[in-house]
Amino acid sequence: MAKAPSKETIKRATIADMKAIGTHKPQYNRLIDIYAELVHQYSRLTIEFEESGYQYEVATDQGGAKKSPILASLETLRKDILAYSDRLCLNPKSLETVTIEAGKKSKLADALSRLE
């Protein structure tokens, strides 16, 4: 049985990714927490879906078939994850619209660096 990555693992990886592209600020951590939880849920449900043999339909009381609840949950989580990844600038399309302030120093840091 495959194991889904923990919420903390996802959170640390997300923060590392955001730092690498220059978009992380500590103020985003609450949003990152929610994003990490969504990705964790998605991973767990994906494993369950695989283990069920990718059962995408379930029988109804009327004798018909409808989309399985796990598949509906996965689809909703995909949309939510995409929305949060846009806000966190974790995909190429959203990153194109952001101006990153790289290497911006405070006046004090700039003055101290000139003393060396």
PDB file of N, CA and C in Angstrom:
ATOM      1  N   MET A   1       0.829  -1.178   0.000  1.00  0.00           N
ATOM      2  CA  MET A   1       0.000   0.000   0.000  1.00  0.00           C
ATOM      3  C   MET A   1       0.880   1.250   0.000  1.00  0.00           C
ATOM      4  N   ALA A   2       0.657   2.116  -0.936  1.00  0.00           N
ATOM      5  CA  ALA A   2       1.403   3.366  -1.007  1.00  0.00           C
ATOM      6  C   ALA A   2       0.975   4.285   0.126  1.00  0.00           C
ATOM      7  N   LYS A   3       1.866   5.177   0.522  1.00  0.00           N
ATOM      8  CA  LYS A   3       1.565   6.080   1.622  1.00  0.00           C
ATOM      9  C   LYS A   3       1.573   7.516   1.109  1.00  0.00           C
ATOM     10  N   ALA A   4       0.563   8.267   1.496  1.00  0.00           N
ATOM     11  CA  ALA A   4       0.480   9.670   1.101  1.00  0.00           C
ATOM     12  C   ALA A   4       1.474  10.487   1.916  1.00  0.00           C
ATOM     13  N   PRO A   5       2.090  11.502   1.305  1.00  0.00           N
ATOM     14  CA  PRO A   5       2.992  12.364   2.070  1.00  0.00           C
ATOM     15  C   PRO A   5       2.205  13.106   3.155  1.00  0.00           C
ATOM     16  N   SER A   6       2.855  13.367   4.272  1.00  0.00           N
ATOM     17  CA  SER A   6       2.177  14.053   5.375  1.00  0.00           C
ATOM     18  C   SER A   6       1.939  15.520   5.020  1.00  0.00           C
ATOM     19  N   LYS A   7       1.024  16.122   5.751  1.00  0.00           N
ATOM     20  CA  LYS A   7       0.725  17.536   5.553  1.00  0.00           C
ATOM     21  C   LYS A   7       1.974  18.372   5.804  1.00  0.00           C
ATOM     22  N   GLU A   8       2.742  18.033   6.835  1.00  0.00           N
ATOM     23  CA  GLU A   8       3.960  18.786   7.159  1.00  0.00           C
ATOM     24  C   GLU A   8       5.006  18.673   6.045  1.00  0.00           C
ATOM     25  N   THR A   9       5.133  17.476   5.475  1.00  0.00           N
ATOM     26  CA  THR A   9       6.077  17.280   4.367  1.00  0.00           C
ATOM     27  C   THR A   9       5.676  18.151   3.179  1.00  0.00           C
ATOM     28  N   ILE A  10       4.396  18.169   2.882  1.00  0.00           N
ATOM     29  CA  ILE A  10       3.894  18.981   1.763  1.00  0.00           C
ATOM     30  C   ILE A  10       4.108  20.458   2.053  1.00  0.00           C
ATOM     31  N   LYS A  11       3.845  20.869   3.293  1.00  0.00           N
ATOM     32  CA  LYS A  11       4.020  22.272   3.675  1.00  0.00           C
ATOM     33  C   LYS A  11       5.478  22.691   3.530  1.00  0.00           C
ATOM     34  N   ARG A  12       6.404  21.882   4.038  1.00  0.00           N
ATOM     35  CA  ARG A  12       7.835  22.211   3.929  1.00  0.00           C
ATOM     36  C   ARG A  12       8.279  22.292   2.468  1.00  0.00           C
ATOM     37  N   ALA A  13       7.809  21.355   1.654  1.00  0.00           N
ATOM     38  CA  ALA A  13       8.169  21.361   0.233  1.00  0.00           C
ATOM     39  C   ALA A  13       7.586  22.584  -0.471  1.00  0.00           C
ATOM     40  N   THR A  14       6.378  22.959  -0.117  1.00  0.00           N
ATOM     41  CA  THR A  14       5.743  24.127  -0.725  1.00  0.00           C
ATOM     42  C   THR A  14       6.504  25.396  -0.366  1.00  0.00           C
ATOM     43  N   ILE A  15       6.864  25.538   0.904  1.00  0.00           N
ATOM     44  CA  ILE A  15       7.628  26.714   1.331  1.00  0.00           C
ATOM     45  C   ILE A  15       8.986  26.745   0.630  1.00  0.00           C
ATOM     46  N   ALA A  16       9.638  25.595   0.512  1.00  0.00           N
ATOM     47  CA  ALA A  16      10.931  25.535  -0.183  1.00  0.00           C
ATOM     48  C   ALA A  16      10.774  25.927  -1.649  1.00  0.00           C
ATOM     49  N   ASP A  17       9.718  25.453  -2.292  1.00  0.00           N
ATOM     50  CA  ASP A  17       9.468  25.816  -3.697  1.00  0.00           C
ATOM     51  C   ASP A  17       9.234  27.316  -3.836  1.00  0.00           C
ATOM     52  N   MET A  18       8.432  27.864  -2.923  1.00  0.00           N
ATOM     53  CA  MET A  18       8.139  29.297  -2.991  1.00  0.00           C
ATOM     54  C   MET A  18       9.388  30.129  -2.732  1.00  0.00           C
ATOM     55  N   LYS A  19      10.233  29.697  -1.813  1.00  0.00           N
ATOM     56  CA  LYS A  19      11.487  30.414  -1.556  1.00  0.00           C
ATOM     57  C   LYS A  19      12.392  30.355  -2.780  1.00  0.00           C
ATOM     58  N   ALA A  20      12.412  29.206  -3.439  1.00  0.00           N
ATOM     59  CA  ALA A  20      13.269  29.038  -4.616  1.00  0.00           C
ATOM     60  C   ALA A  20      12.866  29.978  -5.751  1.00  0.00           C
ATOM     61  N   ILE A  21      11.576  30.257  -5.871  1.00  0.00           N
ATOM     62  CA  ILE A  21      11.139  31.157  -6.951  1.00  0.00           C
ATOM     63  C   ILE A  21      10.944  32.590  -6.460  1.00  0.00           C
ATOM     64  N   GLY A  22      11.184  32.817  -5.160  1.00  0.00           N
ATOM     65  CA  GLY A  22      11.149  34.166  -4.616  1.00  0.00           C
ATOM     66  C   GLY A  22       9.770  34.706  -4.287  1.00  0.00           C
ATOM     67  N   THR A  23       8.811  33.836  -3.997  1.00  0.00           N
ATOM     68  CA  THR A  23       7.455  34.313  -3.703  1.00  0.00           C
ATOM     69  C   THR A  23       7.005  34.052  -2.275  1.00  0.00           C
ATOM     70  N   HIS A  24       7.849  33.480  -1.435  1.00  0.00           N
ATOM     71  CA  HIS A  24       7.411  33.145  -0.067  1.00  0.00           C
ATOM     72  C   HIS A  24       7.536  34.334   0.885  1.00  0.00           C
ATOM     73  N   LYS A  25       6.497  34.483   1.707  1.00  0.00           N
ATOM     74  CA  LYS A  25       6.502  35.418   2.828  1.00  0.00           C
ATOM     75  C   LYS A  25       5.837  34.686   3.983  1.00  0.00           C
ATOM     76  N   PRO A  26       6.300  34.901   5.210  1.00  0.00           N
ATOM     77  CA  PRO A  26       5.698  34.208   6.366  1.00  0.00           C
ATOM     78  C   PRO A  26       4.190  34.460   6.496  1.00  0.00           C
ATOM     79  N   GLN A  27       3.733  35.593   6.006  1.00  0.00           N
ATOM     80  CA  GLN A  27       2.310  35.913   6.088  1.00  0.00           C
ATOM     81  C   GLN A  27       1.445  34.942   5.279  1.00  0.00           C
ATOM     82  N   TYR A  28       2.044  34.206   4.353  1.00  0.00           N
ATOM     83  CA  TYR A  28       1.299  33.258   3.519  1.00  0.00           C
ATOM     84  C   TYR A  28       1.144  31.887   4.179  1.00  0.00           C
ATOM     85  N   ASN A  29       1.732  31.693   5.348  1.00  0.00           N
ATOM     86  CA  ASN A  29       1.767  30.359   5.946  1.00  0.00           C
ATOM     87  C   ASN A  29       0.391  29.775   6.240  1.00  0.00           C
ATOM     88  N   ARG A  30      -0.585  30.602   6.621  1.00  0.00           N
ATOM     89  CA  ARG A  30      -1.943  30.067   6.839  1.00  0.00           C
ATOM     90  C   ARG A  30      -2.513  29.525   5.540  1.00  0.00           C
ATOM     91  N   LEU A  31      -2.310  30.244   4.462  1.00  0.00           N
ATOM     92  CA  LEU A  31      -2.772  29.798   3.160  1.00  0.00           C
ATOM     93  C   LEU A  31      -2.028  28.533   2.729  1.00  0.00           C
ATOM     94  N   ILE A  32      -0.749  28.475   3.031  1.00  0.00           N
ATOM     95  CA  ILE A  32       0.052  27.290   2.719  1.00  0.00           C
ATOM     96  C   ILE A  32      -0.442  26.087   3.514  1.00  0.00           C
ATOM     97  N   ASP A  33      -0.847  26.304   4.770  1.00  0.00           N
ATOM     98  CA  ASP A  33      -1.419  25.222   5.587  1.00  0.00           C
ATOM     99  C   ASP A  33      -2.652  24.613   4.913  1.00  0.00           C
ATOM    100  N   ILE A  34      -3.529  25.466   4.437  1.00  0.00           N
ATOM    101  CA  ILE A  34      -4.753  24.983   3.775  1.00  0.00           C
ATOM    102  C   ILE A  34      -4.389  24.230   2.507  1.00  0.00           C
ATOM    103  N   TYR A  35      -3.469  24.796   1.720  1.00  0.00           N
ATOM    104  CA  TYR A  35      -3.021  24.149   0.489  1.00  0.00           C
ATOM    105  C   TYR A  35      -2.423  22.775   0.788  1.00  0.00           C
ATOM    106  N   ALA A  36      -1.588  22.698   1.819  1.00  0.00           N
ATOM    107  CA  ALA A  36      -0.949  21.424   2.184  1.00  0.00           C
ATOM    108  C   ALA A  36      -1.996  20.392   2.599  1.00  0.00           C
ATOM    109  N   GLU A  37      -3.003  20.821   3.326  1.00  0.00           N
ATOM    110  CA  GLU A  37      -4.081  19.911   3.735  1.00  0.00           C
ATOM    111  C   GLU A  37      -4.840  19.393   2.514  1.00  0.00           C
ATOM    112  N   LEU A  38      -5.132  20.264   1.568  1.00  0.00           N
ATOM    113  CA  LEU A  38      -5.830  19.845   0.347  1.00  0.00           C
ATOM    114  C   LEU A  38      -5.013  18.825  -0.446  1.00  0.00           C
ATOM    115  N   VAL A  39      -3.721  19.099  -0.597  1.00  0.00           N
ATOM    116  CA  VAL A  39      -2.857  18.175  -1.339  1.00  0.00           C
ATOM    117  C   VAL A  39      -2.753  16.840  -0.607  1.00  0.00           C
ATOM    118  N   HIS A  40      -2.683  16.883   0.718  1.00  0.00           N
ATOM    119  CA  HIS A  40      -2.636  15.654   1.516  1.00  0.00           C
ATOM    120  C   HIS A  40      -3.921  14.842   1.317  1.00  0.00           C
ATOM    121  N   GLN A  41      -5.070  15.494   1.415  1.00  0.00           N
ATOM    122  CA  GLN A  41      -6.349  14.805   1.194  1.00  0.00           C
ATOM    123  C   GLN A  41      -6.409  14.208  -0.203  1.00  0.00           C
ATOM    124  N   TYR A  42      -5.951  14.977  -1.190  1.00  0.00           N
ATOM    125  CA  TYR A  42      -5.961  14.499  -2.571  1.00  0.00           C
ATOM    126  C   TYR A  42      -5.098  13.245  -2.712  1.00  0.00           C
ATOM    127  N   SER A  43      -3.936  13.259  -2.091  1.00  0.00           N
ATOM    128  CA  SER A  43      -3.036  12.107  -2.160  1.00  0.00           C
ATOM    129  C   SER A  43      -3.667  10.867  -1.529  1.00  0.00           C
ATOM    130  N   ARG A  44      -4.272  11.046  -0.370  1.00  0.00           N
ATOM    131  CA  ARG A  44      -4.917   9.913   0.320  1.00  0.00           C
ATOM    132  C   ARG A  44      -6.086   9.357  -0.492  1.00  0.00           C
ATOM    133  N   LEU A  45      -6.919  10.243  -1.027  1.00  0.00           N
ATOM    134  CA  LEU A  45      -8.064   9.782  -1.820  1.00  0.00           C
ATOM    135  C   LEU A  45      -7.621   9.114  -3.120  1.00  0.00           C
ATOM    136  N   THR A  46      -6.541   9.607  -3.702  1.00  0.00           N
ATOM    137  CA  THR A  46      -6.019   8.986  -4.922  1.00  0.00           C
ATOM    138  C   THR A  46      -5.582   7.552  -4.644  1.00  0.00           C
ATOM    139  N   ILE A  47      -4.939   7.333  -3.513  1.00  0.00           N
ATOM    140  CA  ILE A  47      -4.526   5.977  -3.132  1.00  0.00           C
ATOM    141  C   ILE A  47      -5.754   5.091  -2.945  1.00  0.00           C
ATOM    142  N   GLU A  48      -6.772   5.608  -2.261  1.00  0.00           N
ATOM    143  CA  GLU A  48      -8.008   4.839  -2.076  1.00  0.00           C
ATOM    144  C   GLU A  48      -8.661   4.515  -3.414  1.00  0.00           C
ATOM    145  N   PHE A  49      -8.668   5.493  -4.318  1.00  0.00           N
ATOM    146  CA  PHE A  49      -9.267   5.306  -5.638  1.00  0.00           C
ATOM    147  C   PHE A  49      -8.524   4.221  -6.415  1.00  0.00           C
ATOM    148  N   GLU A  50      -7.197   4.235  -6.347  1.00  0.00           N
ATOM    149  CA  GLU A  50      -6.394   3.196  -7.001  1.00  0.00           C
ATOM    150  C   GLU A  50      -6.703   1.828  -6.412  1.00  0.00           C
ATOM    151  N   GLU A  51      -6.782   1.773  -5.074  1.00  0.00           N
ATOM    152  CA  GLU A  51      -7.026   0.491  -4.405  1.00  0.00           C
ATOM    153  C   GLU A  51      -8.420  -0.060  -4.684  1.00  0.00           C
ATOM    154  N   SER A  52      -9.359   0.825  -5.035  1.00  0.00           N
ATOM    155  CA  SER A  52     -10.707   0.363  -5.365  1.00  0.00           C
ATOM    156  C   SER A  52     -10.790  -0.121  -6.808  1.00  0.00           C
ATOM    157  N   GLY A  53      -9.665  -0.121  -7.501  1.00  0.00           N
ATOM    158  CA  GLY A  53      -9.660  -0.527  -8.900  1.00  0.00           C
ATOM    159  C   GLY A  53     -10.203   0.556  -9.817  1.00  0.00           C
ATOM    160  N   TYR A  54     -10.059   1.808  -9.399  1.00  0.00           N
ATOM    161  CA  TYR A  54     -10.542   2.965 -10.158  1.00  0.00           C
ATOM    162  C   TYR A  54     -12.043   2.862 -10.421  1.00  0.00           C
ATOM    163  N   GLN A  55     -12.770   2.499  -9.401  1.00  0.00           N
ATOM    164  CA  GLN A  55     -14.224   2.400  -9.532  1.00  0.00           C
ATOM    165  C   GLN A  55     -14.787   3.817  -9.646  1.00  0.00           C
ATOM    166  N   TYR A  56     -15.213   4.176 -10.837  1.00  0.00           N
ATOM    167  CA  TYR A  56     -15.670   5.537 -11.088  1.00  0.00           C
ATOM    168  C   TYR A  56     -17.188   5.678 -11.053  1.00  0.00           C
ATOM    169  N   GLU A  57     -17.912   4.547 -10.969  1.00  0.00           N
ATOM    170  CA  GLU A  57     -19.365   4.591 -10.881  1.00  0.00           C
ATOM    171  C   GLU A  57     -19.841   3.706  -9.738  1.00  0.00           C
ATOM    172  N   VAL A  58     -20.961   4.102  -9.161  1.00  0.00           N
ATOM    173  CA  VAL A  58     -21.607   3.288  -8.135  1.00  0.00           C
ATOM    174  C   VAL A  58     -23.079   3.153  -8.516  1.00  0.00           C
ATOM    175  N   ALA A  59     -23.676   2.054  -8.087  1.00  0.00           N
ATOM    176  CA  ALA A  59     -25.085   1.805  -8.397  1.00  0.00           C
ATOM    177  C   ALA A  59     -25.978   2.677  -7.521  1.00  0.00           C
ATOM    178  N   THR A  60     -27.095   3.112  -8.091  1.00  0.00           N
ATOM    179  CA  THR A  60     -28.082   3.872  -7.333  1.00  0.00           C
ATOM    180  C   THR A  60     -29.219   2.959  -6.917  1.00  0.00           C
ATOM    181  N   ASP A  61     -30.082   3.432  -6.029  1.00  0.00           N
ATOM    182  CA  ASP A  61     -31.228   2.645  -5.592  1.00  0.00           C
ATOM    183  C   ASP A  61     -32.215   2.400  -6.731  1.00  0.00           C
ATOM    184  N   GLN A  62     -32.210   3.267  -7.707  1.00  0.00           N
ATOM    185  CA  GLN A  62     -33.113   3.136  -8.845  1.00  0.00           C
ATOM    186  C   GLN A  62     -32.579   2.189  -9.919  1.00  0.00           C
ATOM    187  N   GLY A  63     -31.429   1.629  -9.707  1.00  0.00           N
ATOM    188  CA  GLY A  63     -30.862   0.687 -10.660  1.00  0.00           C
ATOM    189  C   GLY A  63     -29.928   1.307 -11.678  1.00  0.00           C
ATOM    190  N   GLY A  64     -29.719   2.604 -11.600  1.00  0.00           N
ATOM    191  CA  GLY A  64     -28.799   3.276 -12.521  1.00  0.00           C
ATOM    192  C   GLY A  64     -27.402   3.341 -11.935  1.00  0.00           C
ATOM    193  N   ALA A  65     -26.625   4.230 -12.485  1.00  0.00           N
ATOM    194  CA  ALA A  65     -25.258   4.428 -11.997  1.00  0.00           C
ATOM    195  C   ALA A  65     -24.985   5.916 -11.900  1.00  0.00           C
ATOM    196  N   LYS A  66     -24.147   6.264 -10.947  1.00  0.00           N
ATOM    197  CA  LYS A  66     -23.718   7.661 -10.802  1.00  0.00           C
ATOM    198  C   LYS A  66     -22.231   7.678 -10.480  1.00  0.00           C
ATOM    199  N   LYS A  67     -21.644   8.864 -10.621  1.00  0.00           N
ATOM    200  CA  LYS A  67     -20.221   9.036 -10.322  1.00  0.00           C
ATOM    201  C   LYS A  67     -19.971   8.659  -8.870  1.00  0.00           C
ATOM    202  N   SER A  68     -18.887   7.955  -8.619  1.00  0.00           N
ATOM    203  CA  SER A  68     -18.580   7.537  -7.249  1.00  0.00           C
ATOM    204  C   SER A  68     -18.238   8.763  -6.395  1.00  0.00           C
ATOM    205  N   PRO A  69     -18.570   8.719  -5.113  1.00  0.00           N
ATOM    206  CA  PRO A  69     -18.274   9.852  -4.233  1.00  0.00           C
ATOM    207  C   PRO A  69     -16.779  10.186  -4.168  1.00  0.00           C
ATOM    208  N   ILE A  70     -15.935   9.179  -4.218  1.00  0.00           N
ATOM    209  CA  ILE A  70     -14.496   9.435  -4.141  1.00  0.00           C
ATOM    210  C   ILE A  70     -14.007  10.188  -5.379  1.00  0.00           C
ATOM    211  N   LEU A  71     -14.564   9.862  -6.533  1.00  0.00           N
ATOM    212  CA  LEU A  71     -14.183  10.561  -7.753  1.00  0.00           C
ATOM    213  C   LEU A  71     -14.675  12.004  -7.720  1.00  0.00           C
ATOM    214  N   ALA A  72     -15.882  12.217  -7.218  1.00  0.00           N
ATOM    215  CA  ALA A  72     -16.407  13.580  -7.087  1.00  0.00           C
ATOM    216  C   ALA A  72     -15.527  14.394  -6.138  1.00  0.00           C
ATOM    217  N   SER A  73     -15.091  13.785  -5.049  1.00  0.00           N
ATOM    218  CA  SER A  73     -14.211  14.471  -4.095  1.00  0.00           C
ATOM    219  C   SER A  73     -12.875  14.817  -4.737  1.00  0.00           C
ATOM    220  N   LEU A  74     -12.317  13.883  -5.500  1.00  0.00           N
ATOM    221  CA  LEU A  74     -11.043  14.140  -6.185  1.00  0.00           C
ATOM    222  C   LEU A  74     -11.165  15.315  -7.151  1.00  0.00           C
ATOM    223  N   GLU A  75     -12.262  15.369  -7.891  1.00  0.00           N
ATOM    224  CA  GLU A  75     -12.458  16.459  -8.849  1.00  0.00           C
ATOM    225  C   GLU A  75     -12.558  17.801  -8.136  1.00  0.00           C
ATOM    226  N   THR A  76     -13.280  17.841  -7.025  1.00  0.00           N
ATOM    227  CA  THR A  76     -13.404  19.077  -6.253  1.00  0.00           C
ATOM    228  C   THR A  76     -12.052  19.494  -5.684  1.00  0.00           C
ATOM    229  N   LEU A  77     -11.310  18.532  -5.155  1.00  0.00           N
ATOM    230  CA  LEU A  77      -9.987  18.846  -4.606  1.00  0.00           C
ATOM    231  C   LEU A  77      -9.045  19.366  -5.695  1.00  0.00           C
ATOM    232  N   ARG A  78      -9.118  18.811  -6.890  1.00  0.00           N
ATOM    233  CA  ARG A  78      -8.267  19.298  -7.990  1.00  0.00           C
ATOM    234  C   ARG A  78      -8.526  20.775  -8.244  1.00  0.00           C
ATOM    235  N   LYS A  79      -9.800  21.153  -8.294  1.00  0.00           N
ATOM    236  CA  LYS A  79     -10.150  22.557  -8.541  1.00  0.00           C
ATOM    237  C   LYS A  79      -9.660  23.447  -7.408  1.00  0.00           C
ATOM    238  N   ASP A  80      -9.838  22.987  -6.169  1.00  0.00           N
ATOM    239  CA  ASP A  80      -9.386  23.775  -5.021  1.00  0.00           C
ATOM    240  C   ASP A  80      -7.865  23.912  -5.002  1.00  0.00           C
ATOM    241  N   ILE A  81      -7.166  22.836  -5.281  1.00  0.00           N
ATOM    242  CA  ILE A  81      -5.702  22.868  -5.307  1.00  0.00           C
ATOM    243  C   ILE A  81      -5.219  23.825  -6.387  1.00  0.00           C
ATOM    244  N   LEU A  82      -5.854  23.807  -7.543  1.00  0.00           N
ATOM    245  CA  LEU A  82      -5.476  24.719  -8.619  1.00  0.00           C
ATOM    246  C   LEU A  82      -5.681  26.170  -8.189  1.00  0.00           C
ATOM    247  N   ALA A  83      -6.801  26.457  -7.530  1.00  0.00           N
ATOM    248  CA  ALA A  83      -7.064  27.823  -7.070  1.00  0.00           C
ATOM    249  C   ALA A  83      -6.006  28.279  -6.066  1.00  0.00           C
ATOM    250  N   TYR A  84      -5.672  27.417  -5.111  1.00  0.00           N
ATOM    251  CA  TYR A  84      -4.659  27.777  -4.115  1.00  0.00           C
ATOM    252  C   TYR A  84      -3.275  27.874  -4.753  1.00  0.00           C
ATOM    253  N   SER A  85      -2.951  26.993  -5.680  1.00  0.00           N
ATOM    254  CA  SER A  85      -1.633  27.065  -6.320  1.00  0.00           C
ATOM    255  C   SER A  85      -1.501  28.345  -7.141  1.00  0.00           C
ATOM    256  N   ASP A  86      -2.616  28.815  -7.695  1.00  0.00           N
ATOM    257  CA  ASP A  86      -2.585  30.108  -8.392  1.00  0.00           C
ATOM    258  C   ASP A  86      -2.253  31.233  -7.414  1.00  0.00           C
ATOM    259  N   ARG A  87      -2.920  31.238  -6.278  1.00  0.00           N
ATOM    260  CA  ARG A  87      -2.708  32.292  -5.277  1.00  0.00           C
ATOM    261  C   ARG A  87      -1.295  32.262  -4.715  1.00  0.00           C
ATOM    262  N   LEU A  88      -0.726  31.080  -4.614  1.00  0.00           N
ATOM    263  CA  LEU A  88       0.629  30.940  -4.066  1.00  0.00           C
ATOM    264  C   LEU A  88       1.706  31.024  -5.148  1.00  0.00           C
ATOM    265  N   CYS A  89       1.304  31.259  -6.388  1.00  0.00           N
ATOM    266  CA  CYS A  89       2.224  31.373  -7.537  1.00  0.00           C
ATOM    267  C   CYS A  89       3.050  30.115  -7.724  1.00  0.00           C
ATOM    268  N   LEU A  90       2.403  28.967  -7.624  1.00  0.00           N
ATOM    269  CA  LEU A  90       3.096  27.686  -7.750  1.00  0.00           C
ATOM    270  C   LEU A  90       2.914  27.033  -9.112  1.00  0.00           C
ATOM    271  N   ASN A  91       2.360  27.748 -10.053  1.00  0.00           N
ATOM    272  CA  ASN A  91       2.272  27.196 -11.402  1.00  0.00           C
ATOM    273  C   ASN A  91       2.740  28.264 -12.395  1.00  0.00           C
ATOM    274  N   PRO A  92       3.191  27.842 -13.558  1.00  0.00           N
ATOM    275  CA  PRO A  92       3.795  28.782 -14.507  1.00  0.00           C
ATOM    276  C   PRO A  92       2.881  29.931 -14.918  1.00  0.00           C
ATOM    277  N   LYS A  93       1.602  29.665 -15.102  1.00  0.00           N
ATOM    278  CA  LYS A  93       0.685  30.704 -15.554  1.00  0.00           C
ATOM    279  C   LYS A  93       0.545  31.813 -14.515  1.00  0.00           C
ATOM    280  N   SER A  94       0.387  31.454 -13.249  1.00  0.00           N
ATOM    281  CA  SER A  94       0.230  32.477 -12.215  1.00  0.00           C
ATOM    282  C   SER A  94       1.546  33.204 -11.949  1.00  0.00           C
ATOM    283  N   LEU A  95       2.652  32.522 -12.097  1.00  0.00           N
ATOM    284  CA  LEU A  95       3.956  33.142 -11.864  1.00  0.00           C
ATOM    285  C   LEU A  95       4.250  34.230 -12.891  1.00  0.00           C
ATOM    286  N   GLU A  96       3.692  34.094 -14.101  1.00  0.00           N
ATOM    287  CA  GLU A  96       3.894  35.097 -15.148  1.00  0.00           C
ATOM    288  C   GLU A  96       3.318  36.454 -14.758  1.00  0.00           C
ATOM    289  N   THR A  97       2.297  36.469 -13.912  1.00  0.00           N
ATOM    290  CA  THR A  97       1.605  37.710 -13.569  1.00  0.00           C
ATOM    291  C   THR A  97       2.179  38.395 -12.341  1.00  0.00           C
ATOM    292  N   VAL A  98       3.234  37.842 -11.731  1.00  0.00           N
ATOM    293  CA  VAL A  98       3.780  38.371 -10.495  1.00  0.00           C
ATOM    294  C   VAL A  98       5.136  39.010 -10.737  1.00  0.00           C
ATOM    295  N   THR A  99       5.343  40.142 -10.102  1.00  0.00           N
ATOM    296  CA  THR A  99       6.652  40.791 -10.131  1.00  0.00           C
ATOM    297  C   THR A  99       7.357  40.419  -8.832  1.00  0.00           C
ATOM    298  N   ILE A 100       8.495  39.787  -8.953  1.00  0.00           N
ATOM    299  CA  ILE A 100       9.231  39.317  -7.775  1.00  0.00           C
ATOM    300  C   ILE A 100      10.299  40.335  -7.424  1.00  0.00           C
ATOM    301  N   GLU A 101      10.315  40.735  -6.152  1.00  0.00           N
ATOM    302  CA  GLU A 101      11.314  41.679  -5.659  1.00  0.00           C
ATOM    303  C   GLU A 101      12.518  40.896  -5.171  1.00  0.00           C
ATOM    304  N   ALA A 102      13.454  40.646  -6.052  1.00  0.00           N
ATOM    305  CA  ALA A 102      14.634  39.856  -5.686  1.00  0.00           C
ATOM    306  C   ALA A 102      15.754  40.774  -5.231  1.00  0.00           C
ATOM    307  N   GLY A 103      16.376  40.394  -4.143  1.00  0.00           N
ATOM    308  CA  GLY A 103      17.555  41.110  -3.678  1.00  0.00           C
ATOM    309  C   GLY A 103      17.299  42.489  -3.116  1.00  0.00           C
ATOM    310  N   LYS A 104      16.086  42.813  -2.746  1.00  0.00           N
ATOM    311  CA  LYS A 104      15.783  44.121  -2.186  1.00  0.00           C
ATOM    312  C   LYS A 104      16.321  44.185  -0.757  1.00  0.00           C
ATOM    313  N   LYS A 105      17.202  45.161  -0.501  1.00  0.00           N
ATOM    314  CA  LYS A 105      17.828  45.290   0.810  1.00  0.00           C
ATOM    315  C   LYS A 105      17.272  46.518   1.528  1.00  0.00           C
ATOM    316  N   SER A 106      17.270  46.427   2.833  1.00  0.00           N
ATOM    317  CA  SER A 106      16.910  47.605   3.624  1.00  0.00           C
ATOM    318  C   SER A 106      18.063  48.605   3.538  1.00  0.00           C
ATOM    319  N   LYS A 107      17.789  49.839   3.921  1.00  0.00           N
ATOM    320  CA  LYS A 107      18.854  50.868   3.903  1.00  0.00           C
ATOM    321  C   LYS A 107      19.973  50.510   4.863  1.00  0.00           C
ATOM    322  N   LEU A 108      19.614  49.954   6.022  1.00  0.00           N
ATOM    323  CA  LEU A 108      20.625  49.544   6.999  1.00  0.00           C
ATOM    324  C   LEU A 108      21.506  48.433   6.442  1.00  0.00           C
ATOM    325  N   ALA A 109      20.891  47.418   5.824  1.00  0.00           N
ATOM    326  CA  ALA A 109      21.657  46.311   5.258  1.00  0.00           C
ATOM    327  C   ALA A 109      22.562  46.804   4.138  1.00  0.00           C
ATOM    328  N   ASP A 110      22.089  47.747   3.353  1.00  0.00           N
ATOM    329  CA  ASP A 110      22.890  48.296   2.265  1.00  0.00           C
ATOM    330  C   ASP A 110      24.091  49.069   2.837  1.00  0.00           C
ATOM    331  N   ALA A 111      23.868  49.858   3.869  1.00  0.00           N
ATOM    332  CA  ALA A 111      24.966  50.621   4.478  1.00  0.00           C
ATOM    333  C   ALA A 111      25.989  49.684   5.125  1.00  0.00           C
ATOM    334  N   LEU A 112      25.502  48.648   5.809  1.00  0.00           N
ATOM    335  CA  LEU A 112      26.424  47.712   6.443  1.00  0.00           C
ATOM    336  C   LEU A 112      27.234  46.933   5.421  1.00  0.00           C
ATOM    337  N   SER A 113      26.646  46.616   4.296  1.00  0.00           N
ATOM    338  CA  SER A 113      27.381  45.858   3.275  1.00  0.00           C
ATOM    339  C   SER A 113      28.491  46.712   2.647  1.00  0.00           C
ATOM    340  N   ARG A 114      28.323  48.018   2.642  1.00  0.00           N
ATOM    341  CA  ARG A 114      29.355  48.896   2.085  1.00  0.00           C
ATOM    342  C   ARG A 114      30.526  49.102   3.045  1.00  0.00           C
ATOM    343  N   LEU A 115      30.335  48.778   4.320  1.00  0.00           N
ATOM    344  CA  LEU A 115      31.405  48.938   5.303  1.00  0.00           C
ATOM    345  C   LEU A 115      32.454  47.844   5.193  1.00  0.00           C
ATOM    346  N   GLU A 116      32.117  46.745   4.615  1.00  0.00           N
ATOM    347  CA  GLU A 116      33.042  45.608   4.551  1.00  0.00           C
ATOM    348  C   GLU A 116      34.136  45.771   3.577  1.00  0.00           C
TER     349      GLU A 116
END
